[in-house]
Amino acid sequence: QLHVVESGGGSVQPGGSLTLSCAASGFSLDDYAVGWFRRAPGKEREGIACINTDDNAYSVNSVKGRFTISRDTAKNVANLQMNNVQPEDTGTYFCAAHRLQGMTIAAMCVIRGEGFYKSFEVWGQGTLVTVSA
């Protein structure tokens, strides 16, 4: 059975840094693209950063230059390095895996909607990040 577990969330001051980790089990990250998604308070879930099996990464404009997604296939973990976090980065962060099957990594991150999110092979329970002074 496929599982992903997020960790690393917490409270951080604006301008600070945080590293989120997504540990996969029951499958190999060599075979799946991985993405980080965020649900901010009162808002719908949105893609933040995604990476495919060739290590091609995509991040949305709001986090570009601040957040970096990476994979450690030896540990079967995907990380999200968050630098210079801002209050608008507050939210629950989810990790999810997708086989893509012809979809681009950008599309995986940009397309929204619960109908689309059901196409993912697995979702984690999320980890909360709170950015405040």
Foldseek 3Di string as FASTA:
>chain_A
DKAKAKDWADEDEAQAKTKMKIAIPPDFLLQWKKWKWWDAVPRFIATAKIAHNVRDIDGDPVQPPFWDWDADRVRRMIMIIGGRDDQRRWGWMKMFIANCPPPDRVCVGGDDDPVVVVRTPYMYPTHGHGYHD
